[in-house]
């Protein structure tokens, strides 16, 4: 696969870092941005992004839907993948937004990889394009998780985003 430039937007810094690292491990050029406003600055610099992955609820002037509309001004045919931990908010704000797949957090990394490869029009010779050192290659489906959803806690670091490996993971409510 040639490397595709992906603009990745999420206000959860730990999740943004984990997703960025994961996509880079899978061979993508992921550019993180912590808000729609920061992402807009990158777009104004004419970086040739091929895909926008954005959280829907973001701080600042642009939520994910508004960012997607503004992104289309710079990249008219760019595909969009929305992520959210608040699917009810997504339904309310959806009106007039560019079409895009919605991934509800927490989501499995296979689901993200499938959405990315589909959005980029990559051929599916196998079930997914997966780096040999990634979770799929080890036979362990991964789940992207944040402290507000579900995660395994490392000792002394409860706020760290985890790439949770394995099909069964504890769901915490605290």
N, C-alpha and C. Protein backbone atom coordinates (compact mmCIF):
# COMPACT_ATOMS: atom_id res chain seq x y z
N UNK A 1 0.86 -1.18 0.00
CA UNK A 1 0.00 0.00 0.00
C UNK A 1 0.90 1.23 0.00
N UNK A 2 0.59 2.24 -0.82
CA UNK A 2 1.36 3.46 -0.70
C UNK A 2 0.87 4.19 0.54
N UNK A 3 1.74 5.04 1.07
CA UNK A 3 1.36 5.71 2.31
C UNK A 3 0.37 6.83 2.02
N UNK A 4 -0.73 6.81 2.77
CA UNK A 4 -1.79 7.78 2.59
C UNK A 4 -1.78 8.75 3.75
N UNK A 5 -1.89 10.04 3.45
CA UNK A 5 -1.90 11.07 4.46
C UNK A 5 -3.29 11.18 5.08
N UNK A 6 -3.39 10.96 6.38
CA UNK A 6 -4.66 10.99 7.10
C UNK A 6 -4.63 12.10 8.13
N UNK A 7 -5.65 12.95 8.13
CA UNK A 7 -5.82 13.96 9.16
C UNK A 7 -6.69 13.35 10.25
N UNK A 8 -6.14 13.25 11.45
CA UNK A 8 -6.79 12.58 12.57
C UNK A 8 -7.06 13.60 13.66
N UNK A 9 -8.34 13.79 14.03
CA UNK A 9 -8.73 14.86 14.95
C UNK A 9 -9.50 14.29 16.13
N UNK A 10 -8.98 14.55 17.34
CA UNK A 10 -9.68 14.15 18.57
C UNK A 10 -9.15 15.03 19.70
N UNK A 11 -10.04 15.45 20.59
CA UNK A 11 -9.61 16.31 21.70
C UNK A 11 -9.06 15.51 22.87
N UNK A 12 -9.21 14.21 22.88
CA UNK A 12 -8.64 13.36 23.91
C UNK A 12 -7.20 13.08 23.49
N UNK A 13 -6.25 13.78 24.11
CA UNK A 13 -4.84 13.71 23.69
C UNK A 13 -4.30 12.29 23.75
N UNK A 14 -4.66 11.54 24.78
CA UNK A 14 -4.15 10.18 24.92
C UNK A 14 -4.70 9.28 23.80
N UNK A 15 -5.98 9.39 23.51
CA UNK A 15 -6.57 8.61 22.43
C UNK A 15 -5.99 9.03 21.09
N UNK A 16 -5.83 10.31 20.89
CA UNK A 16 -5.24 10.83 19.65
C UNK A 16 -3.85 10.24 19.44
N UNK A 17 -3.06 10.21 20.50
CA UNK A 17 -1.72 9.63 20.41
C UNK A 17 -1.75 8.15 20.08
N UNK A 18 -2.65 7.41 20.74
CA UNK A 18 -2.75 5.97 20.49
C UNK A 18 -3.20 5.68 19.06
N UNK A 19 -4.20 6.42 18.59
CA UNK A 19 -4.69 6.22 17.21
C UNK A 19 -3.62 6.60 16.19
N UNK A 20 -2.92 7.69 16.44
CA UNK A 20 -1.85 8.12 15.53
C UNK A 20 -0.78 7.05 15.44
N UNK A 21 -0.32 6.57 16.60
CA UNK A 21 0.71 5.53 16.61
C UNK A 21 0.22 4.27 15.91
N UNK A 22 -1.02 3.88 16.17
CA UNK A 22 -1.55 2.67 15.56
C UNK A 22 -1.60 2.80 14.04
N UNK A 23 -2.14 3.91 13.54
CA UNK A 23 -2.23 4.08 12.08
C UNK A 23 -0.84 4.14 11.44
N UNK A 24 0.11 4.77 12.12
CA UNK A 24 1.48 4.80 11.59
C UNK A 24 2.08 3.40 11.55
N UNK A 25 1.81 2.60 12.58
CA UNK A 25 2.28 1.21 12.60
C UNK A 25 1.71 0.42 11.43
N UNK A 26 0.50 0.76 11.03
CA UNK A 26 -0.16 0.08 9.92
C UNK A 26 0.26 0.64 8.56
N UNK A 27 1.17 1.61 8.54
CA UNK A 27 1.72 2.11 7.29
C UNK A 27 1.11 3.39 6.76
N UNK A 28 0.26 4.03 7.53
CA UNK A 28 -0.35 5.29 7.11
C UNK A 28 0.42 6.48 7.67
N UNK A 29 0.37 7.59 6.96
CA UNK A 29 0.94 8.85 7.45
C UNK A 29 -0.18 9.59 8.17
N UNK A 30 -0.20 9.50 9.49
CA UNK A 30 -1.27 10.11 10.28
C UNK A 30 -0.78 11.42 10.87
N UNK A 31 -1.53 12.48 10.64
CA UNK A 31 -1.23 13.81 11.19
C UNK A 31 -2.27 14.12 12.26
N UNK A 32 -1.87 14.18 13.54
CA UNK A 32 -2.84 14.44 14.60
C UNK A 32 -3.15 15.93 14.74
N UNK A 33 -4.37 16.21 15.18
CA UNK A 33 -4.80 17.57 15.52
C UNK A 33 -5.77 17.45 16.71
N UNK A 34 -5.60 18.31 17.70
CA UNK A 34 -6.38 18.20 18.94
C UNK A 34 -7.70 18.96 18.92
N UNK A 35 -8.01 19.63 17.82
CA UNK A 35 -9.29 20.34 17.71
C UNK A 35 -9.57 20.59 16.24
N UNK A 36 -10.81 20.93 15.95
CA UNK A 36 -11.17 21.30 14.60
C UNK A 36 -10.45 22.55 14.14
N UNK A 37 -10.21 23.46 15.07
CA UNK A 37 -9.52 24.71 14.74
C UNK A 37 -8.07 24.44 14.32
N UNK A 38 -7.38 23.55 15.04
CA UNK A 38 -6.00 23.18 14.69
C UNK A 38 -5.99 22.47 13.34
N UNK A 39 -6.95 21.57 13.12
CA UNK A 39 -7.04 20.86 11.85
C UNK A 39 -7.24 21.83 10.69
N UNK A 40 -8.05 22.84 10.90
CA UNK A 40 -8.29 23.83 9.84
C UNK A 40 -6.99 24.54 9.44
N UNK A 41 -6.16 24.84 10.41
CA UNK A 41 -4.87 25.48 10.11
C UNK A 41 -4.03 24.56 9.21
N UNK A 42 -4.01 23.26 9.51
CA UNK A 42 -3.28 22.31 8.67
C UNK A 42 -3.86 22.27 7.26
N UNK A 43 -5.18 22.29 7.16
CA UNK A 43 -5.82 22.30 5.84
C UNK A 43 -5.48 23.56 5.06
N UNK A 44 -5.41 24.69 5.74
CA UNK A 44 -5.08 25.95 5.09
C UNK A 44 -3.65 25.96 4.55
N UNK A 45 -2.80 25.07 5.10
CA UNK A 45 -1.42 24.95 4.61
C UNK A 45 -1.32 24.04 3.40
N UNK A 46 -2.48 23.58 2.92
CA UNK A 46 -2.59 22.76 1.70
C UNK A 46 -1.84 21.42 1.80
N UNK A 47 -1.84 20.83 2.98
CA UNK A 47 -1.31 19.47 3.12
C UNK A 47 -2.25 18.55 2.33
N UNK A 48 -1.71 17.66 1.51
CA UNK A 48 -2.57 16.82 0.65
C UNK A 48 -3.16 15.62 1.39
N UNK A 49 -4.12 15.87 2.24
CA UNK A 49 -4.76 14.78 2.97
C UNK A 49 -5.66 13.98 2.05
N UNK A 50 -5.68 12.66 2.27
CA UNK A 50 -6.56 11.77 1.50
C UNK A 50 -7.73 11.27 2.31
N UNK A 51 -7.72 11.50 3.64
CA UNK A 51 -8.79 11.02 4.50
C UNK A 51 -8.84 11.89 5.76
N UNK A 52 -10.06 12.19 6.20
CA UNK A 52 -10.29 12.88 7.47
C UNK A 52 -10.97 11.91 8.42
N UNK A 53 -10.34 11.71 9.60
CA UNK A 53 -10.97 10.96 10.69
C UNK A 53 -11.13 11.94 11.82
N UNK A 54 -12.37 12.23 12.21
CA UNK A 54 -12.60 13.25 13.21
C UNK A 54 -13.63 12.84 14.25
N UNK A 55 -13.33 13.20 15.50
CA UNK A 55 -14.32 13.08 16.55
C UNK A 55 -15.42 14.08 16.22
N UNK A 56 -16.61 13.81 16.67
CA UNK A 56 -17.72 14.73 16.39
C UNK A 56 -17.76 15.87 17.38
N UNK A 57 -17.64 15.57 18.66
CA UNK A 57 -17.70 16.60 19.69
C UNK A 57 -16.27 17.08 19.96
N UNK A 58 -16.00 18.34 19.58
CA UNK A 58 -14.66 18.93 19.70
C UNK A 58 -14.76 20.30 20.34
N UNK A 59 -13.70 20.72 21.04
CA UNK A 59 -13.68 22.08 21.57
C UNK A 59 -13.42 23.09 20.45
N UNK A 60 -13.71 24.34 20.70
CA UNK A 60 -13.43 25.37 19.71
C UNK A 60 -14.63 25.68 18.84
N UNK A 61 -14.36 26.36 17.74
CA UNK A 61 -15.42 26.81 16.85
C UNK A 61 -15.98 25.71 15.96
N UNK A 62 -15.17 24.71 15.64
CA UNK A 62 -15.58 23.68 14.69
C UNK A 62 -15.76 22.34 15.38
N UNK A 63 -16.98 21.79 15.33
CA UNK A 63 -17.14 20.40 15.75
C UNK A 63 -16.77 19.53 14.55
N UNK A 64 -16.86 18.22 14.70
CA UNK A 64 -16.43 17.33 13.62
C UNK A 64 -17.20 17.51 12.32
N UNK A 65 -18.50 17.76 12.42
CA UNK A 65 -19.31 17.97 11.21
C UNK A 65 -18.94 19.28 10.51
N UNK A 66 -18.76 20.33 11.29
CA UNK A 66 -18.35 21.61 10.70
C UNK A 66 -16.95 21.50 10.08
N UNK A 67 -16.07 20.77 10.75
CA UNK A 67 -14.73 20.55 10.20
C UNK A 67 -14.82 19.80 8.88
N UNK A 68 -15.66 18.79 8.81
CA UNK A 68 -15.82 18.04 7.55
C UNK A 68 -16.29 18.95 6.42
N UNK A 69 -17.24 19.84 6.72
CA UNK A 69 -17.71 20.80 5.70
C UNK A 69 -16.57 21.71 5.25
N UNK A 70 -15.79 22.22 6.20
CA UNK A 70 -14.68 23.11 5.85
C UNK A 70 -13.58 22.35 5.10
N UNK A 71 -13.36 21.10 5.48
CA UNK A 71 -12.34 20.28 4.81
C UNK A 71 -12.68 20.13 3.34
N UNK A 72 -13.94 19.98 3.02
CA UNK A 72 -14.36 19.82 1.62
C UNK A 72 -14.07 21.08 0.79
N UNK A 73 -13.89 22.23 1.43
CA UNK A 73 -13.50 23.44 0.70
C UNK A 73 -12.09 23.30 0.15
N UNK A 74 -11.22 22.57 0.87
CA UNK A 74 -9.83 22.39 0.47
C UNK A 74 -9.61 21.09 -0.30
N UNK A 75 -10.36 20.08 0.05
CA UNK A 75 -10.23 18.74 -0.55
C UNK A 75 -11.65 18.26 -0.88
N UNK A 76 -12.20 18.66 -2.02
CA UNK A 76 -13.62 18.41 -2.31
C UNK A 76 -14.06 16.95 -2.26
N UNK A 77 -13.19 16.02 -2.58
CA UNK A 77 -13.62 14.63 -2.63
C UNK A 77 -13.07 13.78 -1.47
N UNK A 78 -12.56 14.43 -0.45
CA UNK A 78 -11.96 13.68 0.66
C UNK A 78 -13.02 12.87 1.41
N UNK A 79 -12.75 11.59 1.65
CA UNK A 79 -13.68 10.80 2.46
C UNK A 79 -13.54 11.18 3.94
N UNK A 80 -14.61 10.93 4.69
CA UNK A 80 -14.65 11.29 6.11
C UNK A 80 -15.09 10.08 6.93
N UNK A 81 -14.41 9.88 8.05
CA UNK A 81 -14.84 8.91 9.05
C UNK A 81 -15.03 9.70 10.34
N UNK A 82 -16.22 9.59 10.91
CA UNK A 82 -16.51 10.26 12.17
C UNK A 82 -16.36 9.25 13.32
N UNK A 83 -15.87 9.72 14.46
CA UNK A 83 -15.84 8.89 15.66
C UNK A 83 -16.58 9.64 16.76
N UNK A 84 -17.21 8.88 17.65
CA UNK A 84 -17.93 9.54 18.74
C UNK A 84 -18.16 8.59 19.90
N UNK A 85 -18.15 9.15 21.06
CA UNK A 85 -18.58 8.45 22.26
C UNK A 85 -19.99 8.84 22.62
N UNK A 86 -20.59 9.70 21.80
CA UNK A 86 -21.93 10.24 22.04
C UNK A 86 -22.79 10.09 20.79
N UNK A 87 -23.23 8.88 20.47
CA UNK A 87 -23.98 8.69 19.22
C UNK A 87 -25.28 9.47 19.15
N UNK A 88 -25.90 9.77 20.29
CA UNK A 88 -27.13 10.57 20.28
C UNK A 88 -26.85 11.99 19.84
N UNK A 89 -25.71 12.54 20.21
CA UNK A 89 -25.32 13.88 19.77
C UNK A 89 -25.04 13.87 18.27
N UNK A 90 -24.43 12.80 17.81
CA UNK A 90 -24.14 12.69 16.38
C UNK A 90 -25.41 12.76 15.55
N UNK A 91 -26.45 12.09 15.98
CA UNK A 91 -27.72 12.11 15.24
C UNK A 91 -28.33 13.50 15.21
N UNK A 92 -28.22 14.23 16.30
CA UNK A 92 -28.78 15.58 16.38
C UNK A 92 -28.04 16.55 15.47
N UNK A 93 -26.71 16.46 15.45
CA UNK A 93 -25.89 17.41 14.70
C UNK A 93 -25.66 17.03 13.24
N UNK A 94 -26.09 15.86 12.82
CA UNK A 94 -25.77 15.30 11.52
C UNK A 94 -26.26 16.13 10.33
N UNK A 95 -27.35 16.85 10.48
CA UNK A 95 -27.98 17.54 9.37
C UNK A 95 -27.00 18.41 8.58
N UNK A 96 -26.90 18.17 7.29
CA UNK A 96 -26.08 18.98 6.41
C UNK A 96 -24.61 18.63 6.40
N UNK A 97 -24.20 17.63 7.15
CA UNK A 97 -22.79 17.25 7.20
C UNK A 97 -22.44 16.34 6.02
N UNK A 98 -21.19 16.40 5.56
CA UNK A 98 -20.78 15.47 4.51
C UNK A 98 -20.95 14.02 4.96
N UNK A 99 -21.29 13.16 4.01
CA UNK A 99 -21.47 11.76 4.33
C UNK A 99 -20.18 11.17 4.86
N UNK A 100 -20.31 10.29 5.83
CA UNK A 100 -19.15 9.58 6.35
C UNK A 100 -19.59 8.48 7.30
N UNK A 101 -18.76 7.47 7.40
CA UNK A 101 -19.04 6.39 8.32
C UNK A 101 -18.86 6.89 9.76
N UNK A 102 -19.68 6.40 10.68
CA UNK A 102 -19.58 6.78 12.09
C UNK A 102 -19.15 5.55 12.88
N UNK A 103 -18.02 5.69 13.59
CA UNK A 103 -17.52 4.65 14.49
C UNK A 103 -17.80 5.09 15.92
N UNK A 104 -18.52 4.26 16.66
CA UNK A 104 -18.85 4.58 18.05
C UNK A 104 -17.75 4.03 18.95
N UNK A 105 -17.23 4.90 19.81
CA UNK A 105 -16.18 4.51 20.75
C UNK A 105 -16.77 3.71 21.91
N UNK A 106 -16.07 2.71 22.39
CA UNK A 106 -14.80 2.17 21.88
C UNK A 106 -15.06 1.31 20.65
N UNK A 107 -14.10 1.31 19.74
CA UNK A 107 -14.25 0.50 18.54
C UNK A 107 -13.02 -0.39 18.37
N UNK A 108 -13.24 -1.49 17.70
CA UNK A 108 -12.15 -2.44 17.45
C UNK A 108 -11.24 -1.90 16.35
N UNK A 109 -9.94 -2.17 16.48
CA UNK A 109 -9.00 -1.67 15.49
C UNK A 109 -9.27 -2.26 14.11
N UNK A 110 -9.78 -3.48 14.06
CA UNK A 110 -10.13 -4.06 12.76
C UNK A 110 -11.21 -3.22 12.08
N UNK A 111 -12.15 -2.73 12.86
CA UNK A 111 -13.23 -1.89 12.31
C UNK A 111 -12.66 -0.60 11.76
N UNK A 112 -11.72 0.00 12.49
CA UNK A 112 -11.07 1.22 12.03
C UNK A 112 -10.29 0.94 10.74
N UNK A 113 -9.51 -0.14 10.73
CA UNK A 113 -8.72 -0.46 9.53
C UNK A 113 -9.61 -0.72 8.32
N UNK A 114 -10.70 -1.41 8.53
CA UNK A 114 -11.62 -1.67 7.42
C UNK A 114 -12.23 -0.36 6.92
N UNK A 115 -12.63 0.52 7.83
CA UNK A 115 -13.20 1.82 7.44
C UNK A 115 -12.17 2.66 6.68
N UNK A 116 -10.93 2.66 7.16
CA UNK A 116 -9.87 3.44 6.50
C UNK A 116 -9.60 2.89 5.11
N UNK A 117 -9.39 1.58 5.00
CA UNK A 117 -9.06 1.01 3.69
C UNK A 117 -10.23 1.17 2.71
N UNK A 118 -11.45 1.05 3.20
CA UNK A 118 -12.62 1.26 2.34
C UNK A 118 -12.70 2.71 1.87
N UNK A 119 -12.52 3.64 2.80
CA UNK A 119 -12.59 5.07 2.46
C UNK A 119 -11.52 5.46 1.44
N UNK A 120 -10.35 4.82 1.55
CA UNK A 120 -9.25 5.13 0.64
C UNK A 120 -9.31 4.32 -0.67
N UNK A 121 -10.30 3.44 -0.76
CA UNK A 121 -10.47 2.65 -1.97
C UNK A 121 -9.40 1.59 -2.16
N UNK A 122 -8.83 1.12 -1.07
CA UNK A 122 -7.80 0.09 -1.17
C UNK A 122 -8.45 -1.26 -1.45
N UNK A 123 -7.77 -2.07 -2.22
CA UNK A 123 -8.26 -3.41 -2.51
C UNK A 123 -8.13 -4.29 -1.28
N UNK A 124 -9.04 -5.20 -1.15
CA UNK A 124 -9.03 -6.13 -0.02
C UNK A 124 -8.64 -7.52 -0.51
N UNK A 125 -7.32 -7.74 -0.68
CA UNK A 125 -6.86 -9.07 -1.08
C UNK A 125 -7.05 -10.04 0.08
N UNK A 126 -6.90 -9.53 1.27
CA UNK A 126 -7.13 -10.31 2.47
C UNK A 126 -8.21 -9.58 3.25
N UNK A 127 -8.52 -10.07 4.42
CA UNK A 127 -9.58 -9.43 5.18
C UNK A 127 -9.23 -7.98 5.51
N UNK A 128 -7.98 -7.70 5.90
CA UNK A 128 -7.53 -6.33 6.18
C UNK A 128 -6.08 -6.20 5.78
N UNK A 129 -5.65 -4.98 5.60
CA UNK A 129 -4.22 -4.71 5.49
C UNK A 129 -3.71 -4.54 6.91
N UNK A 130 -2.84 -5.42 7.33
CA UNK A 130 -2.37 -5.36 8.71
C UNK A 130 -0.87 -5.52 8.72
N UNK A 131 -0.20 -4.68 9.45
CA UNK A 131 1.23 -4.76 9.64
C UNK A 131 1.56 -6.04 10.39
N UNK A 132 2.63 -6.75 10.04
CA UNK A 132 2.95 -8.00 10.72
C UNK A 132 3.12 -7.85 12.24
N UNK A 133 3.46 -6.68 12.71
CA UNK A 133 3.63 -6.50 14.16
C UNK A 133 2.36 -5.98 14.83
N UNK A 134 1.27 -5.87 14.07
CA UNK A 134 0.04 -5.31 14.63
C UNK A 134 -0.76 -6.36 15.38
N UNK A 135 -1.83 -5.92 16.01
CA UNK A 135 -2.67 -6.79 16.83
C UNK A 135 -3.31 -7.91 16.01
N UNK A 136 -3.76 -7.65 14.80
CA UNK A 136 -4.43 -8.66 13.99
C UNK A 136 -3.47 -9.79 13.65
N UNK A 137 -2.23 -9.44 13.34
CA UNK A 137 -1.27 -10.46 12.96
C UNK A 137 -0.96 -11.39 14.13
N UNK A 138 -1.08 -10.93 15.34
CA UNK A 138 -0.86 -11.77 16.51
C UNK A 138 -2.10 -12.56 16.87
N UNK A 139 -3.18 -12.38 16.09
CA UNK A 139 -4.40 -13.12 16.35
C UNK A 139 -5.21 -12.55 17.49
N UNK A 140 -4.92 -11.35 17.91
CA UNK A 140 -5.64 -10.72 19.01
C UNK A 140 -6.38 -9.49 18.50
N UNK A 141 -7.70 -9.51 18.44
CA UNK A 141 -8.40 -8.30 18.02
C UNK A 141 -8.18 -7.21 19.06
N UNK A 142 -7.97 -6.00 18.61
CA UNK A 142 -7.72 -4.89 19.53
C UNK A 142 -8.91 -4.00 19.67
N UNK A 143 -8.99 -3.31 20.77
CA UNK A 143 -10.04 -2.34 21.02
C UNK A 143 -9.37 -1.03 21.39
N UNK A 144 -9.77 0.04 20.71
CA UNK A 144 -9.29 1.35 21.08
C UNK A 144 -10.17 1.83 22.21
N UNK A 145 -9.57 2.29 23.28
CA UNK A 145 -10.32 2.60 24.48
C UNK A 145 -9.78 3.86 25.13
N UNK A 146 -10.64 4.57 25.82
CA UNK A 146 -10.23 5.74 26.58
C UNK A 146 -10.66 5.57 28.01
N UNK A 147 -10.13 6.40 28.93
CA UNK A 147 -10.55 6.28 30.32
C UNK A 147 -12.06 6.43 30.51
N UNK A 148 -12.73 7.12 29.59
CA UNK A 148 -14.17 7.31 29.74
C UNK A 148 -14.98 6.14 29.21
N UNK A 149 -14.32 5.19 28.55
CA UNK A 149 -15.05 4.03 28.04
C UNK A 149 -14.59 2.80 28.81
N UNK A 150 -13.89 1.90 28.18
CA UNK A 150 -13.43 0.72 28.90
C UNK A 150 -11.95 0.52 28.65
N UNK A 151 -11.24 0.11 29.67
CA UNK A 151 -9.81 -0.12 29.50
C UNK A 151 -9.28 -0.97 30.63
N UNK A 152 -8.17 -1.60 30.36
CA UNK A 152 -7.44 -2.26 31.42
C UNK A 152 -6.52 -1.22 32.02
N UNK A 153 -6.49 -1.14 33.30
CA UNK A 153 -5.67 -0.12 33.95
C UNK A 153 -4.27 -0.65 34.23
N UNK A 154 -3.27 0.11 33.83
CA UNK A 154 -1.91 -0.21 34.22
C UNK A 154 -1.69 0.37 35.60
N UNK A 155 -0.87 -0.28 36.38
CA UNK A 155 -0.64 0.21 37.74
C UNK A 155 -0.08 1.62 37.69
N UNK A 156 -0.71 2.52 38.42
CA UNK A 156 -0.24 3.90 38.53
C UNK A 156 -0.53 4.78 37.33
N UNK A 157 -1.22 4.29 36.34
CA UNK A 157 -1.46 5.10 35.16
C UNK A 157 -2.87 4.89 34.62
N UNK A 158 -3.85 5.23 35.43
CA UNK A 158 -5.25 4.99 35.07
C UNK A 158 -5.73 5.88 33.94
N UNK A 159 -5.04 6.96 33.64
CA UNK A 159 -5.51 7.88 32.60
C UNK A 159 -4.89 7.61 31.24
N UNK A 160 -4.02 6.62 31.13
CA UNK A 160 -3.37 6.32 29.87
C UNK A 160 -4.33 5.59 28.94
N UNK A 161 -4.32 5.96 27.69
CA UNK A 161 -5.14 5.25 26.72
C UNK A 161 -4.47 3.90 26.49
N UNK A 162 -5.28 2.89 26.36
CA UNK A 162 -4.74 1.55 26.14
C UNK A 162 -5.26 0.99 24.84
N UNK A 163 -4.41 0.27 24.17
CA UNK A 163 -4.85 -0.55 23.07
C UNK A 163 -5.10 -1.90 23.71
N UNK A 164 -6.35 -2.17 23.97
CA UNK A 164 -6.71 -3.36 24.73
C UNK A 164 -6.71 -4.54 23.78
N UNK A 165 -5.97 -5.55 24.12
CA UNK A 165 -5.84 -6.71 23.25
C UNK A 165 -6.72 -7.84 23.77
N UNK A 166 -7.33 -8.56 22.87
CA UNK A 166 -8.14 -9.70 23.24
C UNK A 166 -9.61 -9.41 23.07
N UNK A 167 -10.38 -10.43 22.84
CA UNK A 167 -11.80 -10.25 22.58
C UNK A 167 -12.57 -9.89 23.85
N UNK A 168 -12.11 -10.39 24.98
CA UNK A 168 -12.81 -10.11 26.24
C UNK A 168 -12.02 -9.06 27.00
N UNK A 169 -12.68 -7.98 27.35
CA UNK A 169 -12.03 -6.95 28.13
C UNK A 169 -13.01 -6.47 29.17
N UNK A 170 -12.50 -6.06 30.34
CA UNK A 170 -13.41 -5.63 31.40
C UNK A 170 -14.03 -4.28 31.07
N UNK A 171 -15.27 -4.13 31.35
CA UNK A 171 -15.96 -2.86 31.17
C UNK A 171 -16.04 -2.22 32.55
N UNK A 172 -15.37 -1.08 32.68
CA UNK A 172 -15.37 -0.39 33.96
C UNK A 172 -16.35 0.77 33.92
N UNK A 173 -16.88 1.12 35.07
CA UNK A 173 -17.83 2.23 35.12
C UNK A 173 -17.29 3.40 35.91
N UNK A 174 -16.10 3.27 36.46
CA UNK A 174 -15.54 4.39 37.25
C UNK A 174 -14.71 5.32 36.43
